[in-house]
Amino acid sequence: MKKIIKKIKDSICRAWNDASPKKRGMTIGVFMLLYTALTLYLMLEHTQDVSYEKYLRQDIQPSSILIDDKETYADTLMNKRVFEMKEFFNQFNTISHE
């Protein structure tokens, strides 16, 4: 096993020493880009899953919107418009939210 590792190490050293400076620079640049891409991929891969799981676990319960007939806060609107608004919001109380 040690002989195989030594052969691999020697072949890498020979290839590195025989390479021109331009080729060495390009090799270092390629390895830096690969390292950066792999790091970003591993960091950002799971960030989407975390928020998605939180969204799946969240149980959204619809709430009823009740408007009292006695109190009207929109004094400036016409009575017909206020009545239409009350009907619109009260229709959500009759819809089944299952």
N, C-alpha and C. Protein backbone atom coordinates (compact mmCIF):
# COMPACT_ATOMS: atom_id res chain seq x y z
N MET A 1 0.83 -1.20 0.00
CA MET A 1 0.00 0.00 0.00
C MET A 1 0.87 1.25 0.00
N LYS A 2 1.94 1.24 0.79
CA LYS A 2 2.83 2.39 0.85
C LYS A 2 3.52 2.62 -0.49
N LYS A 3 3.83 1.53 -1.20
CA LYS A 3 4.49 1.64 -2.51
C LYS A 3 3.57 2.33 -3.52
N ILE A 4 2.29 1.97 -3.47
CA ILE A 4 1.32 2.57 -4.40
C ILE A 4 1.18 4.06 -4.13
N ILE A 5 1.07 4.42 -2.86
CA ILE A 5 0.94 5.84 -2.50
C ILE A 5 2.18 6.61 -2.91
N LYS A 6 3.37 6.00 -2.72
CA LYS A 6 4.62 6.66 -3.11
C LYS A 6 4.70 6.86 -4.61
N LYS A 7 4.26 5.87 -5.40
CA LYS A 7 4.25 6.00 -6.86
C LYS A 7 3.33 7.13 -7.31
N ILE A 8 2.13 7.18 -6.70
CA ILE A 8 1.18 8.25 -7.06
C ILE A 8 1.75 9.61 -6.70
N LYS A 9 2.35 9.71 -5.53
CA LYS A 9 2.94 10.98 -5.09
C LYS A 9 4.09 11.39 -6.02
N ASP A 10 4.93 10.45 -6.39
CA ASP A 10 6.05 10.76 -7.28
C ASP A 10 5.57 11.20 -8.67
N SER A 11 4.52 10.53 -9.17
CA SER A 11 4.02 10.92 -10.50
C SER A 11 3.40 12.31 -10.47
N ILE A 12 2.73 12.65 -9.37
CA ILE A 12 2.15 13.99 -9.24
C ILE A 12 3.26 15.04 -9.15
N CYS A 13 4.30 14.74 -8.37
CA CYS A 13 5.42 15.68 -8.23
C CYS A 13 6.14 15.87 -9.56
N ARG A 14 6.37 14.79 -10.31
CA ARG A 14 7.01 14.90 -11.62
C ARG A 14 6.18 15.74 -12.58
N ALA A 15 4.87 15.49 -12.61
CA ALA A 15 3.98 16.25 -13.50
C ALA A 15 3.96 17.72 -13.11
N TRP A 16 3.99 18.00 -11.81
CA TRP A 16 3.95 19.39 -11.34
C TRP A 16 5.27 20.10 -11.67
N ASN A 17 6.38 19.42 -11.49
CA ASN A 17 7.68 20.03 -11.76
C ASN A 17 7.93 20.23 -13.25
N ASP A 18 7.36 19.37 -14.07
CA ASP A 18 7.54 19.49 -15.52
C ASP A 18 6.62 20.53 -16.15
N ALA A 19 5.61 20.97 -15.43
CA ALA A 19 4.63 21.90 -15.99
C ALA A 19 5.21 23.32 -16.03
N SER A 20 4.73 24.08 -17.02
CA SER A 20 5.17 25.47 -17.13
C SER A 20 4.45 26.32 -16.07
N PRO A 21 4.96 27.51 -15.78
CA PRO A 21 4.30 28.35 -14.78
C PRO A 21 2.86 28.72 -15.16
N LYS A 22 2.63 28.90 -16.45
CA LYS A 22 1.27 29.23 -16.89
C LYS A 22 0.32 28.05 -16.61
N LYS A 23 0.79 26.85 -16.88
CA LYS A 23 -0.04 25.66 -16.65
C LYS A 23 -0.27 25.46 -15.15
N ARG A 24 0.72 25.73 -14.32
CA ARG A 24 0.56 25.62 -12.87
C ARG A 24 -0.49 26.62 -12.38
N GLY A 25 -0.41 27.84 -12.88
CA GLY A 25 -1.40 28.86 -12.48
C GLY A 25 -2.80 28.48 -12.87
N MET A 26 -2.94 27.94 -14.08
CA MET A 26 -4.26 27.52 -14.53
C MET A 26 -4.77 26.36 -13.67
N THR A 27 -3.88 25.44 -13.30
CA THR A 27 -4.27 24.31 -12.47
C THR A 27 -4.75 24.79 -11.10
N ILE A 28 -4.02 25.71 -10.51
CA ILE A 28 -4.42 26.26 -9.21
C ILE A 28 -5.76 26.99 -9.34
N GLY A 29 -5.94 27.74 -10.40
CA GLY A 29 -7.21 28.46 -10.62
C GLY A 29 -8.39 27.51 -10.76
N VAL A 30 -8.19 26.43 -11.51
CA VAL A 30 -9.26 25.45 -11.70
C VAL A 30 -9.63 24.79 -10.37
N PHE A 31 -8.61 24.43 -9.59
CA PHE A 31 -8.89 23.82 -8.29
C PHE A 31 -9.60 24.80 -7.34
N MET A 32 -9.23 26.08 -7.40
CA MET A 32 -9.91 27.08 -6.57
C MET A 32 -11.37 27.23 -6.98
N LEU A 33 -11.64 27.26 -8.29
CA LEU A 33 -13.02 27.35 -8.76
C LEU A 33 -13.84 26.12 -8.36
N LEU A 34 -13.24 24.95 -8.49
CA LEU A 34 -13.95 23.73 -8.08
C LEU A 34 -14.25 23.73 -6.59
N TYR A 35 -13.27 24.16 -5.79
CA TYR A 35 -13.48 24.22 -4.35
C TYR A 35 -14.59 25.21 -4.00
N THR A 36 -14.57 26.38 -4.64
CA THR A 36 -15.59 27.39 -4.37
C THR A 36 -16.98 26.90 -4.78
N ALA A 37 -17.07 26.28 -5.95
CA ALA A 37 -18.36 25.78 -6.42
C ALA A 37 -18.90 24.69 -5.49
N LEU A 38 -18.03 23.78 -5.07
CA LEU A 38 -18.46 22.71 -4.18
C LEU A 38 -18.90 23.26 -2.82
N THR A 39 -18.14 24.23 -2.31
CA THR A 39 -18.49 24.82 -1.02
C THR A 39 -19.84 25.54 -1.09
N LEU A 40 -20.04 26.34 -2.11
CA LEU A 40 -21.32 27.04 -2.25
C LEU A 40 -22.47 26.06 -2.43
N TYR A 41 -22.26 25.03 -3.20
CA TYR A 41 -23.31 24.03 -3.40
C TYR A 41 -23.70 23.37 -2.09
N LEU A 42 -22.70 22.97 -1.30
CA LEU A 42 -23.00 22.30 -0.04
C LEU A 42 -23.64 23.25 0.96
N MET A 43 -23.27 24.52 0.93
CA MET A 43 -23.86 25.48 1.86
C MET A 43 -25.30 25.81 1.49
N LEU A 44 -25.55 26.01 0.21
CA LEU A 44 -26.85 26.51 -0.22
C LEU A 44 -27.84 25.40 -0.56
N GLU A 45 -27.39 24.17 -0.63
CA GLU A 45 -28.28 23.08 -1.00
C GLU A 45 -29.38 22.88 0.03
N HIS A 46 -29.06 22.96 1.30
CA HIS A 46 -30.01 22.63 2.35
C HIS A 46 -30.79 23.83 2.85
N THR A 47 -30.46 25.03 2.44
CA THR A 47 -31.20 26.18 2.94
C THR A 47 -32.63 26.18 2.42
N GLN A 48 -32.85 25.69 1.22
CA GLN A 48 -34.21 25.63 0.70
C GLN A 48 -35.02 24.58 1.46
N ASP A 49 -34.40 23.46 1.80
CA ASP A 49 -35.11 22.40 2.50
C ASP A 49 -35.57 22.84 3.88
N VAL A 50 -34.76 23.64 4.57
CA VAL A 50 -35.11 24.07 5.92
C VAL A 50 -36.38 24.90 5.89
N SER A 51 -36.45 25.87 4.99
CA SER A 51 -37.64 26.71 4.93
C SER A 51 -38.84 25.91 4.42
N TYR A 52 -38.63 24.96 3.53
CA TYR A 52 -39.72 24.16 3.01
C TYR A 52 -40.30 23.28 4.10
N GLU A 53 -39.44 22.69 4.95
CA GLU A 53 -39.95 21.86 6.04
C GLU A 53 -40.73 22.70 7.04
N LYS A 54 -40.26 23.90 7.29
CA LYS A 54 -40.97 24.78 8.22
C LYS A 54 -42.35 25.11 7.65
N TYR A 55 -42.42 25.32 6.33
CA TYR A 55 -43.69 25.62 5.69
C TYR A 55 -44.62 24.42 5.77
N LEU A 56 -44.09 23.20 5.59
CA LEU A 56 -44.94 22.01 5.65
C LEU A 56 -45.47 21.77 7.05
N ARG A 57 -44.67 22.06 8.07
CA ARG A 57 -45.10 21.82 9.45
C ARG A 57 -46.10 22.85 9.93
N GLN A 58 -46.13 23.98 9.28
CA GLN A 58 -47.01 25.06 9.74
C GLN A 58 -48.46 24.70 9.40
N ASP A 59 -49.30 24.73 10.39
CA ASP A 59 -50.71 24.44 10.20
C ASP A 59 -51.47 25.76 10.18
N ILE A 60 -52.00 26.11 9.05
CA ILE A 60 -52.70 27.38 8.92
C ILE A 60 -54.18 27.14 9.17
N GLN A 61 -54.69 27.79 10.18
CA GLN A 61 -56.11 27.69 10.50
C GLN A 61 -56.79 28.99 10.08
N PRO A 62 -57.77 28.91 9.21
CA PRO A 62 -58.45 30.14 8.80
C PRO A 62 -59.30 30.68 9.95
N SER A 63 -59.30 31.95 10.08
CA SER A 63 -60.09 32.57 11.13
C SER A 63 -61.33 33.22 10.53
N SER A 64 -62.37 33.27 11.30
CA SER A 64 -63.61 33.88 10.83
C SER A 64 -63.50 35.40 10.96
N ILE A 65 -64.02 36.07 9.97
CA ILE A 65 -64.05 37.53 10.01
C ILE A 65 -65.48 37.93 10.36
N LEU A 66 -65.66 38.48 11.52
CA LEU A 66 -66.98 38.89 11.97
C LEU A 66 -67.07 40.40 11.98
N ILE A 67 -68.16 40.87 11.43
CA ILE A 67 -68.42 42.31 11.45
C ILE A 67 -69.73 42.52 12.19
N ASP A 68 -69.65 43.27 13.23
CA ASP A 68 -70.85 43.55 14.03
C ASP A 68 -71.82 44.42 13.23
N ASP A 69 -73.11 44.08 13.34
CA ASP A 69 -74.12 44.91 12.67
C ASP A 69 -74.34 46.21 13.43
N LYS A 70 -74.05 46.22 14.73
CA LYS A 70 -74.31 47.40 15.53
C LYS A 70 -73.28 48.50 15.31
N GLU A 71 -72.01 48.09 15.12
CA GLU A 71 -70.96 49.09 14.99
C GLU A 71 -70.51 49.20 13.55
N THR A 72 -70.50 50.39 13.05
CA THR A 72 -70.00 50.65 11.71
C THR A 72 -68.91 51.71 11.83
N TYR A 73 -67.71 51.34 11.42
CA TYR A 73 -66.59 52.26 11.53
C TYR A 73 -66.45 53.15 10.31
N ALA A 74 -67.12 52.82 9.25
CA ALA A 74 -67.01 53.62 8.04
C ALA A 74 -68.20 54.57 7.96
N ASP A 75 -68.15 55.63 8.71
CA ASP A 75 -69.26 56.58 8.73
C ASP A 75 -69.36 57.37 7.44
N THR A 76 -68.28 57.52 6.73
CA THR A 76 -68.28 58.33 5.52
C THR A 76 -68.84 57.59 4.32
N LEU A 77 -68.91 56.25 4.39
CA LEU A 77 -69.44 55.49 3.26
C LEU A 77 -70.96 55.48 3.28
N MET A 78 -71.50 55.24 2.13
CA MET A 78 -72.95 55.14 2.05
C MET A 78 -73.40 53.82 2.69
N ASN A 79 -74.63 53.78 3.15
CA ASN A 79 -75.16 52.59 3.81
C ASN A 79 -75.16 51.37 2.90
N LYS A 80 -75.40 51.60 1.62
CA LYS A 80 -75.43 50.50 0.68
C LYS A 80 -74.03 49.87 0.55
N ARG A 81 -73.02 50.70 0.48
CA ARG A 81 -71.65 50.20 0.34
C ARG A 81 -71.22 49.45 1.61
N VAL A 82 -71.59 49.94 2.77
CA VAL A 82 -71.27 49.27 4.03
C VAL A 82 -71.95 47.91 4.09
N PHE A 83 -73.20 47.86 3.66
CA PHE A 83 -73.93 46.59 3.64
C PHE A 83 -73.26 45.59 2.71
N GLU A 84 -72.82 46.05 1.52
CA GLU A 84 -72.13 45.16 0.59
C GLU A 84 -70.83 44.63 1.18
N MET A 85 -70.11 45.48 1.89
CA MET A 85 -68.87 45.05 2.51
C MET A 85 -69.12 44.00 3.59
N LYS A 86 -70.16 44.20 4.39
CA LYS A 86 -70.50 43.23 5.43
C LYS A 86 -70.86 41.89 4.82
N GLU A 87 -71.64 41.92 3.74
CA GLU A 87 -72.02 40.67 3.08
C GLU A 87 -70.79 39.95 2.52
N PHE A 88 -69.89 40.74 1.94
CA PHE A 88 -68.69 40.15 1.36
C PHE A 88 -67.85 39.44 2.42
N PHE A 89 -67.61 40.08 3.54
CA PHE A 89 -66.79 39.47 4.58
C PHE A 89 -67.51 38.35 5.32
N ASN A 90 -68.79 38.45 5.45
CA ASN A 90 -69.54 37.40 6.15
C ASN A 90 -69.69 36.13 5.32
N GLN A 91 -69.51 36.23 4.00
CA GLN A 91 -69.62 35.03 3.18
C GLN A 91 -68.48 34.05 3.50
N PHE A 92 -67.36 34.53 4.02
CA PHE A 92 -66.26 33.63 4.38
C PHE A 92 -66.58 32.80 5.60
N ASN A 93 -67.50 33.24 6.42
CA ASN A 93 -67.90 32.46 7.59
C ASN A 93 -68.72 31.24 7.22
N THR A 94 -69.38 31.27 6.07
CA THR A 94 -70.22 30.16 5.67
C THR A 94 -69.45 29.11 4.89
N ILE A 95 -68.26 29.44 4.38
CA ILE A 95 -67.47 28.49 3.61
C ILE A 95 -66.76 27.53 4.55
N SER A 96 -66.78 26.25 4.21
CA SER A 96 -66.12 25.25 5.03
C SER A 96 -64.63 25.30 4.76
N HIS A 97 -63.81 25.35 5.81
CA HIS A 97 -62.36 25.45 5.67
C HIS A 97 -61.68 24.14 6.00
N GLU A 98 -62.14 23.05 5.49
CA GLU A 98 -61.55 21.74 5.81
C GLU A 98 -60.61 21.31 4.72
